Structures are given as C-alpha cells and as structure tokens.
C-alpha cells in the first residue's frame, strides 16, 4: 500500500480575537520557496563566447568576473617555447596582443606557422593571458567570414547576462 500523500502547509491561519470575529492572519510568503532557476545551480552560469582578439580582450576587461570559455580567433605572431611542455602563443587581430599559454603534455601539438589564422579555446587568467585548452589553424576564409554577426550575438549575450544579475 503506498504511503498517504503529505498535505502542504497552509499559507493562512484562522485565529479568533476577543471580539469573536474570525480574522485571517497570513504567514510569511517567504516560507513558500519559488521554483529555483536552473541558472542558479553551481556550474550552470558558464558561457561560451566567440570573437576576435581585440573584442575578447575588451569584453574581458568589461566583465572580468564572467565565468566563460572563450573561442578566440586571430593571427599568430609568434610561438615561444617555455619550460617542459609550455608554449606561449602571441596572437593579435588588429589591436593588442593576447598571450595564449598552452601546455602540450601529450607532445602532439602540430607545428604552427606564424602569420596564419588560429583558433584558441580557453579561459582568461589575468588581463591578456588565456589559459589555452585547444589550438587549431583555420583558413583565412573561415576566420573572416561572419565575424561581425558572431560578435554582435556575443555582445547581446553579455548584455543579457549582466541585466539578470
């Protein structure tokens, strides 16, 4: 036999005063919890944003506490090999330079040629440093095509994200 259904707690209680008139006293409405938004759960506020180097740097400067994975496109200026498996990639589109820090633990990083367009995926750590998770060379046609639209959509997402906080 299934257990009986529990009755929800009533939101109002009838009480009698000395004048024998029944008055209704409302309990705090705060006790009834509204349904939680899925975006308030831990890890659900992660955004994926796309843009060229100058756009991503400006957006990160405006929203430094944003929990985002950045897809950054730009021209590779230089690759600096660091300690062990560390590679520093200097990338720019038109304005400032972005430092992409990439750790090649597997040793499977393809040789990148300078002057080519690259796609970096990562998370900002500091003002112009990107902890890079993935690097791809892209064709110039893919790099230039449709970027204004993608950046406008990203701007809209950022504005909506800040409006709901």
N, C-alpha and C. Protein backbone atom coordinates (compact mmCIF):
# COMPACT_ATOMS: atom_id res chain seq x y z
N UNK A 1 0.84 -1.17 0.00
CA UNK A 1 0.00 0.00 0.00
C UNK A 1 0.90 1.25 0.00
N UNK A 2 0.66 2.18 -0.92
CA UNK A 2 1.50 3.37 -0.97
C UNK A 2 1.24 4.28 0.23
N UNK A 3 2.26 5.04 0.66
CA UNK A 3 2.07 5.94 1.79
C UNK A 3 1.12 7.07 1.41
N UNK A 4 0.39 7.63 2.38
CA UNK A 4 -0.52 8.73 2.07
C UNK A 4 0.26 9.97 1.64
N UNK A 5 -0.36 10.76 0.79
CA UNK A 5 0.28 11.99 0.32
C UNK A 5 0.31 13.00 1.46
N UNK A 6 1.42 13.69 1.56
CA UNK A 6 1.55 14.71 2.59
C UNK A 6 0.81 15.96 2.15
N UNK A 7 0.08 16.55 3.06
CA UNK A 7 -0.64 17.79 2.76
C UNK A 7 0.32 18.96 2.90
N UNK A 8 0.28 19.90 1.94
CA UNK A 8 1.16 21.06 2.06
C UNK A 8 0.71 21.93 3.23
N UNK A 9 1.68 22.64 3.82
CA UNK A 9 1.39 23.51 4.94
C UNK A 9 0.54 24.69 4.46
N UNK A 10 -0.54 25.02 5.15
CA UNK A 10 -1.38 26.13 4.69
C UNK A 10 -0.66 27.46 4.81
N UNK A 11 -0.99 28.38 3.90
CA UNK A 11 -0.36 29.69 3.92
C UNK A 11 -1.09 30.67 4.84
N UNK A 12 -2.30 30.37 5.25
CA UNK A 12 -3.03 31.27 6.14
C UNK A 12 -3.61 30.47 7.30
N UNK A 13 -3.76 31.14 8.44
CA UNK A 13 -4.26 30.50 9.65
C UNK A 13 -5.39 31.36 10.19
N UNK A 14 -6.51 30.76 10.53
CA UNK A 14 -7.63 31.50 11.13
C UNK A 14 -7.42 31.57 12.63
N UNK A 15 -7.60 32.76 13.20
CA UNK A 15 -7.48 32.93 14.65
C UNK A 15 -8.66 33.73 15.15
N UNK A 16 -9.05 33.50 16.39
CA UNK A 16 -10.18 34.22 16.98
C UNK A 16 -9.64 35.28 17.92
N UNK A 17 -10.19 36.46 17.81
CA UNK A 17 -9.80 37.52 18.72
C UNK A 17 -10.81 37.61 19.85
N UNK A 18 -10.61 38.54 20.80
CA UNK A 18 -11.52 38.70 21.92
C UNK A 18 -12.90 39.13 21.46
N UNK A 19 -12.98 39.80 20.34
CA UNK A 19 -14.27 40.26 19.84
C UNK A 19 -15.00 39.14 19.10
N UNK A 20 -14.50 37.95 19.13
CA UNK A 20 -15.03 36.74 18.50
C UNK A 20 -15.16 36.85 16.99
N UNK A 21 -14.50 37.81 16.42
CA UNK A 21 -14.51 37.91 14.95
C UNK A 21 -13.34 37.09 14.44
N UNK A 22 -13.60 36.30 13.46
CA UNK A 22 -12.54 35.46 12.90
C UNK A 22 -11.72 36.30 11.93
N UNK A 23 -10.46 36.40 12.19
CA UNK A 23 -9.57 37.12 11.29
C UNK A 23 -8.60 36.14 10.68
N UNK A 24 -8.18 36.45 9.54
CA UNK A 24 -7.24 35.57 8.84
C UNK A 24 -5.87 36.24 8.88
N UNK A 25 -4.92 35.52 9.39
CA UNK A 25 -3.57 36.05 9.51
C UNK A 25 -2.69 35.31 8.49
N UNK A 26 -2.07 36.07 7.61
CA UNK A 26 -1.21 35.47 6.59
C UNK A 26 0.17 35.20 7.19
N UNK A 27 0.66 34.01 6.97
CA UNK A 27 2.03 33.72 7.36
C UNK A 27 2.97 34.31 6.33
N UNK A 28 4.21 34.30 6.63
CA UNK A 28 5.19 34.87 5.71
C UNK A 28 5.16 34.11 4.39
N UNK A 29 5.04 34.87 3.32
CA UNK A 29 5.04 34.25 2.00
C UNK A 29 6.44 33.75 1.63
N UNK A 30 7.42 34.22 2.35
CA UNK A 30 8.79 33.80 2.04
C UNK A 30 9.01 32.33 2.37
N UNK A 31 8.15 31.76 3.20
CA UNK A 31 8.32 30.36 3.55
C UNK A 31 8.03 29.45 2.36
N UNK A 32 7.19 29.91 1.45
CA UNK A 32 6.93 29.15 0.23
C UNK A 32 8.01 29.51 -0.77
N UNK A 33 8.91 28.57 -1.05
CA UNK A 33 10.04 28.85 -1.93
C UNK A 33 9.61 28.83 -3.39
N UNK A 34 10.03 29.85 -4.15
CA UNK A 34 9.72 29.83 -5.58
C UNK A 34 10.56 28.75 -6.26
N UNK A 35 10.12 28.28 -7.40
CA UNK A 35 10.93 27.27 -8.10
C UNK A 35 12.29 27.86 -8.46
N UNK A 36 13.34 27.12 -8.20
CA UNK A 36 14.70 27.60 -8.44
C UNK A 36 15.00 27.64 -9.93
N UNK A 37 15.68 28.69 -10.32
CA UNK A 37 16.09 28.82 -11.71
C UNK A 37 17.25 27.86 -11.97
N UNK A 38 17.27 27.18 -13.10
CA UNK A 38 18.38 26.26 -13.37
C UNK A 38 19.71 26.98 -13.47
N UNK A 39 19.69 28.29 -13.78
CA UNK A 39 20.95 29.03 -13.92
C UNK A 39 21.58 29.35 -12.57
N UNK A 40 20.83 29.19 -11.45
CA UNK A 40 21.40 29.46 -10.14
C UNK A 40 22.15 28.26 -9.57
N UNK A 41 22.05 27.13 -10.21
CA UNK A 41 22.77 25.95 -9.74
C UNK A 41 24.25 26.10 -10.04
N UNK A 42 25.12 25.50 -9.22
CA UNK A 42 26.56 25.64 -9.44
C UNK A 42 26.98 25.11 -10.80
N UNK A 43 27.80 25.88 -11.50
CA UNK A 43 28.33 25.48 -12.80
C UNK A 43 27.42 25.75 -13.97
N UNK A 44 26.20 26.25 -13.71
CA UNK A 44 25.26 26.48 -14.80
C UNK A 44 25.40 27.87 -15.42
N UNK A 45 26.25 28.72 -14.86
CA UNK A 45 26.40 30.07 -15.39
C UNK A 45 27.55 30.17 -16.39
N UNK A 46 28.08 29.05 -16.84
CA UNK A 46 29.19 29.04 -17.78
C UNK A 46 28.71 29.45 -19.17
N UNK A 47 29.41 30.41 -19.77
CA UNK A 47 29.08 30.89 -21.11
C UNK A 47 30.19 30.51 -22.06
N UNK A 48 29.86 30.35 -23.32
CA UNK A 48 30.84 30.14 -24.38
C UNK A 48 30.74 31.33 -25.32
N UNK A 49 31.81 32.12 -25.39
CA UNK A 49 31.79 33.36 -26.16
C UNK A 49 32.81 33.30 -27.28
N UNK A 50 32.50 33.94 -28.41
CA UNK A 50 33.30 33.86 -29.62
C UNK A 50 33.65 35.27 -30.08
N UNK A 51 34.90 35.44 -30.56
CA UNK A 51 35.27 36.73 -31.12
C UNK A 51 36.73 36.79 -31.50
N UNK A 52 37.10 37.92 -32.10
CA UNK A 52 38.50 38.17 -32.42
C UNK A 52 39.22 38.63 -31.16
N UNK A 53 40.54 38.72 -31.24
CA UNK A 53 41.37 39.02 -30.08
C UNK A 53 40.96 40.34 -29.44
N UNK A 54 40.86 41.41 -30.21
CA UNK A 54 40.55 42.72 -29.63
C UNK A 54 39.18 42.73 -28.96
N UNK A 55 38.19 42.10 -29.57
CA UNK A 55 36.85 42.03 -28.98
C UNK A 55 36.88 41.25 -27.66
N UNK A 56 37.58 40.12 -27.64
CA UNK A 56 37.63 39.29 -26.43
C UNK A 56 38.36 40.00 -25.29
N UNK A 57 39.44 40.70 -25.61
CA UNK A 57 40.16 41.44 -24.58
C UNK A 57 39.31 42.56 -24.01
N UNK A 58 38.60 43.30 -24.87
CA UNK A 58 37.73 44.38 -24.39
C UNK A 58 36.58 43.83 -23.55
N UNK A 59 35.99 42.73 -23.99
CA UNK A 59 34.89 42.13 -23.24
C UNK A 59 35.36 41.60 -21.89
N UNK A 60 36.54 41.01 -21.86
CA UNK A 60 37.07 40.51 -20.60
C UNK A 60 37.40 41.66 -19.65
N UNK A 61 37.84 42.78 -20.20
CA UNK A 61 38.12 43.95 -19.37
C UNK A 61 36.82 44.50 -18.76
N UNK A 62 35.73 44.48 -19.54
CA UNK A 62 34.44 44.97 -19.03
C UNK A 62 33.81 44.02 -18.02
N UNK A 63 33.97 42.72 -18.24
CA UNK A 63 33.35 41.70 -17.38
C UNK A 63 34.42 40.74 -16.87
N UNK A 64 35.28 41.17 -15.94
CA UNK A 64 36.39 40.29 -15.52
C UNK A 64 35.96 39.07 -14.71
N UNK A 65 34.80 39.13 -14.05
CA UNK A 65 34.37 38.01 -13.21
C UNK A 65 33.44 37.05 -13.94
N UNK A 66 33.35 37.18 -15.24
CA UNK A 66 32.45 36.35 -16.03
C UNK A 66 33.00 34.93 -16.12
N UNK A 67 32.16 33.95 -15.87
CA UNK A 67 32.54 32.54 -15.97
C UNK A 67 32.32 32.12 -17.42
N UNK A 68 33.38 32.17 -18.22
CA UNK A 68 33.22 31.93 -19.66
C UNK A 68 34.37 31.13 -20.22
N UNK A 69 34.05 30.37 -21.25
CA UNK A 69 35.04 29.73 -22.11
C UNK A 69 35.09 30.58 -23.37
N UNK A 70 36.26 31.05 -23.74
CA UNK A 70 36.43 31.97 -24.86
C UNK A 70 36.95 31.24 -26.08
N UNK A 71 36.32 31.47 -27.23
CA UNK A 71 36.77 31.00 -28.53
C UNK A 71 37.35 32.21 -29.24
N UNK A 72 38.67 32.30 -29.29
CA UNK A 72 39.36 33.49 -29.79
C UNK A 72 39.99 33.18 -31.14
N UNK A 73 39.79 34.09 -32.09
CA UNK A 73 40.37 33.97 -33.42
C UNK A 73 41.33 35.14 -33.64
N UNK A 74 42.48 34.85 -34.22
CA UNK A 74 43.45 35.90 -34.53
C UNK A 74 44.60 35.36 -35.35
N UNK A 75 45.51 36.26 -35.70
CA UNK A 75 46.72 35.88 -36.46
C UNK A 75 47.83 35.55 -35.47
N UNK A 76 48.51 34.45 -35.72
CA UNK A 76 49.61 34.03 -34.86
C UNK A 76 50.84 34.87 -35.17
N UNK A 77 51.34 35.58 -34.16
CA UNK A 77 52.51 36.43 -34.33
C UNK A 77 53.78 35.66 -34.03
N UNK A 78 53.76 34.88 -32.93
CA UNK A 78 54.97 34.18 -32.52
C UNK A 78 54.62 33.06 -31.55
N UNK A 79 55.44 32.00 -31.57
CA UNK A 79 55.31 30.90 -30.62
C UNK A 79 56.61 30.84 -29.82
N UNK A 80 56.50 30.93 -28.49
CA UNK A 80 57.67 30.89 -27.62
C UNK A 80 57.60 29.60 -26.81
N UNK A 81 58.64 28.78 -26.94
CA UNK A 81 58.67 27.52 -26.19
C UNK A 81 59.24 27.80 -24.81
N UNK A 82 58.50 27.38 -23.79
CA UNK A 82 58.91 27.61 -22.40
C UNK A 82 59.43 26.34 -21.76
N UNK A 83 59.28 26.28 -20.44
CA UNK A 83 59.73 25.12 -19.68
C UNK A 83 58.93 23.88 -20.05
N UNK A 84 59.58 22.77 -20.11
CA UNK A 84 59.00 21.46 -20.39
C UNK A 84 58.01 21.51 -21.54
N UNK A 85 56.73 21.50 -21.25
CA UNK A 85 55.73 21.41 -22.32
C UNK A 85 54.95 22.71 -22.51
N UNK A 86 55.47 23.81 -21.99
CA UNK A 86 54.75 25.09 -22.07
C UNK A 86 55.06 25.80 -23.39
N UNK A 87 54.01 26.31 -24.01
CA UNK A 87 54.13 27.12 -25.22
C UNK A 87 53.35 28.40 -25.01
N UNK A 88 53.97 29.54 -25.31
CA UNK A 88 53.28 30.83 -25.25
C UNK A 88 53.04 31.28 -26.68
N UNK A 89 51.77 31.46 -27.01
CA UNK A 89 51.39 31.88 -28.36
C UNK A 89 50.99 33.35 -28.30
N UNK A 90 51.62 34.17 -29.11
CA UNK A 90 51.26 35.58 -29.20
C UNK A 90 50.33 35.74 -30.39
N UNK A 91 49.11 36.19 -30.12
CA UNK A 91 48.06 36.27 -31.14
C UNK A 91 47.48 37.67 -31.12
N UNK A 92 47.18 38.20 -32.31
CA UNK A 92 46.53 39.51 -32.40
C UNK A 92 45.64 39.54 -33.62
N UNK A 93 44.65 40.43 -33.61
CA UNK A 93 43.84 40.64 -34.81
C UNK A 93 44.17 42.02 -35.37
N UNK A 94 43.86 43.08 -34.64
CA UNK A 94 44.22 44.43 -35.09
C UNK A 94 44.82 45.24 -33.97
N UNK A 95 44.38 45.02 -32.76
CA UNK A 95 44.79 45.83 -31.62
C UNK A 95 45.86 45.16 -30.77
N UNK A 96 45.58 45.03 -29.48
CA UNK A 96 46.57 44.47 -28.54
C UNK A 96 46.81 42.98 -28.77
N UNK A 97 47.91 42.52 -28.18
CA UNK A 97 48.32 41.12 -28.32
C UNK A 97 47.78 40.30 -27.15
N UNK A 98 47.34 39.10 -27.46
CA UNK A 98 46.87 38.14 -26.47
C UNK A 98 47.94 37.07 -26.30
N UNK A 99 48.23 36.72 -25.05
CA UNK A 99 49.16 35.62 -24.77
C UNK A 99 48.35 34.37 -24.48
N UNK A 100 48.50 33.38 -25.32
CA UNK A 100 47.84 32.10 -25.09
C UNK A 100 48.84 31.14 -24.49
N UNK A 101 48.60 30.68 -23.27
CA UNK A 101 49.50 29.75 -22.60
C UNK A 101 48.94 28.35 -22.80
N UNK A 102 49.72 27.51 -23.47
CA UNK A 102 49.27 26.15 -23.81
C UNK A 102 50.29 25.14 -23.30
N UNK A 103 49.82 24.12 -22.59
CA UNK A 103 50.68 23.05 -22.09
C UNK A 103 50.44 21.81 -22.94
N UNK A 104 51.47 21.38 -23.65
CA UNK A 104 51.38 20.23 -24.55
C UNK A 104 51.93 19.00 -23.82
N UNK A 105 51.11 18.41 -22.96
CA UNK A 105 51.55 17.27 -22.16
C UNK A 105 51.71 16.01 -23.00
N UNK A 106 50.89 15.87 -24.03
CA UNK A 106 50.94 14.67 -24.86
C UNK A 106 52.01 14.75 -25.95
N UNK A 107 52.50 15.93 -26.23
CA UNK A 107 53.51 16.09 -27.27
C UNK A 107 52.94 15.98 -28.67
N UNK A 108 51.64 16.21 -28.83
CA UNK A 108 51.02 16.07 -30.14
C UNK A 108 50.66 17.41 -30.78
N UNK A 109 51.27 18.50 -30.31
CA UNK A 109 50.98 19.81 -30.89
C UNK A 109 51.58 19.90 -32.28
N UNK A 110 50.73 20.27 -33.24
CA UNK A 110 51.20 20.40 -34.61
C UNK A 110 52.02 21.67 -34.74
N UNK A 111 53.03 21.67 -35.61
CA UNK A 111 53.80 22.90 -35.80
C UNK A 111 52.91 23.98 -36.42
N UNK A 112 52.94 25.16 -35.82
CA UNK A 112 52.12 26.28 -36.29
C UNK A 112 53.01 27.28 -37.01
N UNK A 113 52.53 27.80 -38.12
CA UNK A 113 53.31 28.79 -38.86
C UNK A 113 52.80 30.19 -38.51
N UNK A 114 53.73 31.10 -38.31
CA UNK A 114 53.36 32.47 -37.95
C UNK A 114 52.70 33.16 -39.14
N UNK A 115 51.82 34.09 -38.83
CA UNK A 115 51.09 34.80 -39.86
C UNK A 115 49.80 34.12 -40.26
N UNK A 116 49.57 32.91 -39.81
CA UNK A 116 48.34 32.18 -40.13
C UNK A 116 47.28 32.46 -39.08
N UNK A 117 46.03 32.28 -39.46
CA UNK A 117 44.91 32.46 -38.52
C UNK A 117 44.79 31.23 -37.63
N UNK A 118 44.59 31.47 -36.33
CA UNK A 118 44.44 30.38 -35.38
C UNK A 118 43.17 30.58 -34.56
N UNK A 119 42.69 29.47 -34.03
CA UNK A 119 41.52 29.45 -33.15
C UNK A 119 41.97 28.90 -31.81
N UNK A 120 41.86 29.70 -30.75
CA UNK A 120 42.23 29.28 -29.41
C UNK A 120 40.96 29.14 -28.57
N UNK A 121 40.91 28.11 -27.77
CA UNK A 121 39.81 27.91 -26.83
C UNK A 121 40.42 27.89 -25.44
N UNK A 122 39.89 28.74 -24.55
CA UNK A 122 40.45 28.77 -23.21
C UNK A 122 39.71 29.68 -22.27
N UNK A 123 40.36 29.94 -21.13
CA UNK A 123 39.80 30.75 -20.06
C UNK A 123 40.81 31.84 -19.70
N UNK A 124 40.33 33.07 -19.50
CA UNK A 124 41.22 34.17 -19.16
C UNK A 124 41.75 34.01 -17.75
N UNK A 125 43.06 34.23 -17.61
CA UNK A 125 43.72 34.30 -16.31
C UNK A 125 44.56 35.58 -16.34
N UNK A 126 44.04 36.63 -15.81
CA UNK A 126 44.73 37.91 -15.86
C UNK A 126 44.19 38.77 -16.99
N UNK A 127 44.87 39.88 -17.23
CA UNK A 127 44.39 40.87 -18.20
C UNK A 127 44.39 40.41 -19.64
N UNK A 128 45.52 39.90 -20.11
CA UNK A 128 45.60 39.50 -21.52
C UNK A 128 46.18 38.10 -21.70
N UNK A 129 46.05 37.26 -20.70
CA UNK A 129 46.55 35.88 -20.78
C UNK A 129 45.38 34.92 -20.83
N UNK A 130 45.48 33.99 -21.76
CA UNK A 130 44.43 32.99 -21.95
C UNK A 130 45.02 31.62 -21.66
N UNK A 131 44.50 30.94 -20.66
CA UNK A 131 44.89 29.55 -20.41
C UNK A 131 44.23 28.73 -21.51
N UNK A 132 45.02 28.24 -22.44
CA UNK A 132 44.50 27.65 -23.67
C UNK A 132 44.35 26.15 -23.52
N UNK A 133 43.17 25.67 -23.93
CA UNK A 133 42.89 24.23 -23.89
C UNK A 133 43.06 23.58 -25.25
N UNK A 134 42.81 24.35 -26.32
CA UNK A 134 42.85 23.78 -27.67
C UNK A 134 43.32 24.84 -28.65
N UNK A 135 44.11 24.40 -29.65
CA UNK A 135 44.61 25.28 -30.70
C UNK A 135 44.34 24.63 -32.05
N UNK A 136 43.83 25.42 -32.99
CA UNK A 136 43.62 24.95 -34.36
C UNK A 136 44.03 26.04 -35.32
N UNK A 137 44.64 25.65 -36.43
CA UNK A 137 44.84 26.60 -37.52
C UNK A 137 43.57 26.60 -38.35
N UNK A 138 43.15 27.79 -38.77
CA UNK A 138 41.95 27.90 -39.60
C UNK A 138 42.32 28.65 -40.87
N UNK A 139 41.52 28.44 -41.90
CA UNK A 139 41.78 29.15 -43.16
C UNK A 139 41.36 30.61 -43.00
N UNK A 140 41.94 31.47 -43.82
CA UNK A 140 41.62 32.89 -43.76
C UNK A 140 40.16 33.14 -44.07
N UNK A 141 39.58 32.32 -44.93
CA UNK A 141 38.17 32.48 -45.29
C UNK A 141 37.28 32.21 -44.07
N UNK A 142 37.56 31.13 -43.34
CA UNK A 142 36.79 30.82 -42.13
C UNK A 142 36.97 31.89 -41.07
N UNK A 143 38.17 32.44 -41.00
CA UNK A 143 38.49 33.42 -39.96
C UNK A 143 37.72 34.71 -40.15
N UNK A 144 37.63 35.20 -41.38
CA UNK A 144 36.98 36.48 -41.64
C UNK A 144 35.47 36.38 -41.80
N UNK A 145 34.98 35.22 -42.18
CA UNK A 145 33.58 35.08 -42.55
C UNK A 145 32.66 35.16 -41.34
N UNK A 146 31.67 36.01 -41.41
CA UNK A 146 30.58 36.11 -40.44
C UNK A 146 31.00 36.56 -39.04
N UNK A 147 32.16 37.20 -38.87
CA UNK A 147 32.58 37.57 -37.52
C UNK A 147 31.77 38.71 -36.92
N UNK A 148 31.34 39.65 -37.71
CA UNK A 148 30.56 40.75 -37.15
C UNK A 148 29.27 40.22 -36.52
N UNK A 149 28.63 39.28 -37.19
CA UNK A 149 27.39 38.71 -36.66
C UNK A 149 27.65 37.94 -35.37
N UNK A 150 28.70 37.13 -35.34
CA UNK A 150 29.01 36.34 -34.15
C UNK A 150 29.33 37.26 -32.97
N UNK A 151 30.11 38.32 -33.22
CA UNK A 151 30.45 39.24 -32.14
C UNK A 151 29.22 40.00 -31.65
N UNK A 152 28.30 40.35 -32.54
CA UNK A 152 27.08 41.02 -32.11
C UNK A 152 26.22 40.11 -31.25
N UNK A 153 26.13 38.84 -31.61
CA UNK A 153 25.38 37.88 -30.79
C UNK A 153 26.04 37.74 -29.42
N UNK A 154 27.37 37.69 -29.39
CA UNK A 154 28.09 37.59 -28.13
C UNK A 154 27.86 38.83 -27.28
N UNK A 155 27.88 40.03 -27.88
CA UNK A 155 27.58 41.26 -27.13
C UNK A 155 26.18 41.19 -26.51
N UNK A 156 25.22 40.71 -27.29
CA UNK A 156 23.85 40.59 -26.79
C UNK A 156 23.79 39.64 -25.60
N UNK A 157 24.49 38.51 -25.68
CA UNK A 157 24.52 37.55 -24.58
C UNK A 157 25.12 38.18 -23.34
N UNK A 158 26.21 38.94 -23.51
CA UNK A 158 26.83 39.60 -22.37
C UNK A 158 25.89 40.62 -21.73
N UNK A 159 25.18 41.39 -22.56
CA UNK A 159 24.24 42.38 -22.02
C UNK A 159 23.11 41.68 -21.27
N UNK A 160 22.59 40.59 -21.81
CA UNK A 160 21.52 39.86 -21.14
C UNK A 160 22.00 39.25 -19.83
N UNK A 161 23.23 38.75 -19.83
CA UNK A 161 23.79 38.15 -18.63
C UNK A 161 23.92 39.19 -17.52
N UNK A 162 24.36 40.40 -17.85
CA UNK A 162 24.52 41.45 -16.85
C UNK A 162 23.18 42.02 -16.41
N UNK A 163 22.18 41.99 -17.27
CA UNK A 163 20.86 42.52 -16.92
C UNK A 163 20.15 41.64 -15.90
N UNK A 164 20.45 40.34 -15.88
CA UNK A 164 19.77 39.41 -14.98
C UNK A 164 20.47 39.26 -13.64
N UNK A 165 21.56 39.98 -13.42
CA UNK A 165 22.27 39.87 -12.13
C UNK A 165 21.77 40.89 -11.16
